[in-house]
Protein backbone atom coordinates (compact mmCIF):
# COMPACT_ATOMS: atom_id res chain seq x y z
CA MET A 1 -52.75 93.03 27.16
CA GLN A 2 -52.01 89.96 29.23
CA ILE A 3 -53.16 87.21 27.17
CA LEU A 4 -52.45 88.52 23.28
CA GLY A 5 -51.54 90.61 20.58
CA HIS A 6 -52.68 91.26 16.91
CA ASN A 7 -52.26 93.20 14.16
CA GLY A 8 -55.18 95.66 12.46
CA ASP A 9 -58.34 96.88 14.37
CA ILE A 10 -61.38 95.30 15.74
CA ASN A 11 -63.44 96.45 13.07
CA THR A 12 -67.14 95.48 15.48
CA LEU A 13 -65.61 96.78 18.81
CA ARG A 14 -67.93 98.84 19.48
CA GLY A 15 -70.98 96.88 18.85
CA ASN A 16 -68.62 93.90 21.12
CA VAL A 17 -68.34 96.15 23.95
CA ASN A 18 -72.19 97.25 24.24
CA TRP A 19 -72.62 93.50 23.39
CA MET A 20 -70.54 92.50 26.87
CA LYS A 21 -71.74 95.22 28.62
CA ALA A 22 -75.29 94.30 27.94
CA ARG A 23 -74.67 90.96 29.43
CA GLU A 24 -73.24 91.88 32.49
CA GLY A 25 -76.78 92.27 34.24
CA LEU A 26 -77.13 88.39 33.41
CA LEU A 27 -74.13 87.12 35.12
CA LYS A 28 -75.32 85.36 38.19
CA CYS A 29 -73.07 84.59 41.45
CA LYS A 30 -74.07 81.13 41.95
CA ALA A 31 -73.07 80.13 38.32
CA LEU A 32 -69.83 81.43 38.31
CA GLY A 33 -68.98 80.59 42.00
CA LEU A 34 -68.88 83.58 43.09
CA SER A 35 -70.16 85.86 45.97
CA GLU A 36 -72.00 89.08 44.73
CA ASP A 37 -69.09 91.09 46.31
CA GLU A 38 -66.57 89.69 43.93
CA LEU A 39 -68.53 89.27 41.37
CA LYS A 40 -68.89 93.25 41.80
CA LYS A 41 -65.18 92.92 41.55
CA LEU A 42 -65.25 91.92 38.21
CA LEU A 43 -67.14 94.24 36.31
CA PRO A 44 -66.95 95.61 33.70
CA ILE A 45 -66.10 93.11 32.00
CA VAL A 46 -64.77 95.84 29.30
CA ASN A 47 -63.36 98.85 30.82
CA ALA A 48 -64.70 101.92 28.96
CA ASN A 49 -61.37 103.23 28.49
CA SER A 50 -59.54 100.01 26.92
CA SER A 51 -57.89 99.79 23.37
CA ASP A 52 -59.63 97.35 21.00
CA SER A 53 -56.61 94.63 22.49
CA GLY A 54 -57.05 95.72 26.17
CA ALA A 55 -61.03 95.00 25.60
CA PHE A 56 -60.45 91.38 23.88
CA ASP A 57 -57.87 90.46 26.20
CA GLY A 58 -60.53 91.47 29.06
CA VAL A 59 -63.33 89.03 27.57
CA LEU A 60 -60.91 86.22 27.04
CA GLU A 61 -59.78 86.40 30.07
CA PHE A 62 -62.58 86.40 31.68
CA LEU A 63 -63.76 83.06 29.54
CA VAL A 64 -60.90 81.15 30.38
CA GLN A 65 -61.02 82.11 34.17
CA TYR A 66 -64.70 80.73 34.33
CA GLY A 67 -64.29 77.46 32.75
CA LYS A 68 -63.72 77.77 28.93
CA SER A 69 -60.23 76.53 27.69
CA LEU A 70 -58.06 79.32 25.74
CA PRO A 71 -58.75 77.44 22.42
CA GLU A 72 -62.30 77.32 23.34
CA ALA A 73 -62.65 80.75 24.45
CA VAL A 74 -60.68 81.80 21.24
CA MET A 75 -63.12 80.23 18.84
CA MET A 76 -65.86 81.83 20.30
CA MET A 77 -64.41 85.28 19.85
CA ILE A 78 -62.95 84.83 16.54
CA PRO A 79 -65.08 81.91 14.54
CA GLU A 80 -63.15 80.75 11.32
CA ALA A 81 -65.33 81.45 8.45
CA TRP A 82 -67.67 78.62 8.92
CA GLN A 83 -71.15 79.14 7.70
CA ASN A 84 -70.36 78.48 3.46
CA ASP A 85 -67.65 76.01 4.22
CA LYS A 86 -68.64 72.56 3.10
CA ASN A 87 -65.73 70.92 4.29
CA VAL A 88 -66.09 72.24 8.05
CA ASP A 89 -66.13 69.11 10.11
CA PRO A 90 -69.87 68.72 11.39
CA GLN A 91 -68.79 68.86 15.47
CA ARG A 92 -66.90 72.27 14.75
CA LYS A 93 -70.14 73.45 12.85
CA ALA A 94 -72.14 72.25 15.77
CA PHE A 95 -69.54 74.28 17.94
CA TYR A 96 -70.01 77.47 16.03
CA GLU A 97 -73.81 77.15 15.37
CA TYR A 98 -74.39 76.82 19.39
CA TYR A 99 -71.79 79.94 20.38
CA SER A 100 -72.65 82.29 17.52
CA ALA A 101 -76.21 82.34 19.76
CA LEU A 102 -74.49 83.56 22.62
CA MET A 103 -71.75 85.25 21.71
CA GLU A 104 -71.00 88.17 18.63
CA PRO A 105 -67.76 87.57 16.73
CA TRP A 106 -64.85 89.98 17.50
CA ASP A 107 -63.87 90.82 13.34
CA GLY A 108 -61.10 92.59 12.24
CA PRO A 109 -57.77 91.63 12.38
CA ALA A 110 -55.68 89.29 10.39
CA HIS A 111 -53.43 87.53 12.60
CA VAL A 112 -53.99 87.10 16.74
CA HIS A 113 -51.35 85.79 18.98
CA ILE A 114 -52.30 84.52 21.77
CA LEU A 115 -49.82 83.81 24.97
CA SER A 116 -51.27 81.74 28.28
CA THR A 117 -48.56 82.19 30.31
CA LEU A 118 -51.06 80.06 33.47
CA ALA A 119 -51.36 77.45 31.07
CA LEU A 120 -48.18 77.80 29.25
CA GLN A 121 -49.38 77.88 25.70
CA PHE A 122 -48.82 79.71 23.07
CA GLY A 123 -51.34 79.44 20.27
CA THR A 124 -51.91 81.94 16.69
CA ASN A 125 -54.91 81.60 15.61
CA LEU A 126 -54.98 82.97 11.68
CA ILE A 127 -58.24 83.61 10.41
């Protein structure tokens, strides 16, 4: 666990891991600025023997390393309950709508602590 800690289980873990594995074949070296050899070293993004924390951490780290800010990556992975909330800011709703088409939420933990030692940020996301 390098970036996060959480309480509870990630209820959607098997599906999340399977979808990440399926997407690995779609990764492009040029889009990530990597050679084929460098890309092969990154895979698998989620180790088959990882705990739920390890799997989540691997995906979060991958997203941050390749262009997403830490808050953006967290919002992609564990979005707030926005679909039926009429008070959600339109820009935030558009963000969630867009990323919900690209990645399934990692549902389950009631509390997540995220620590980025690179950016020296500490964040907490309550869902």
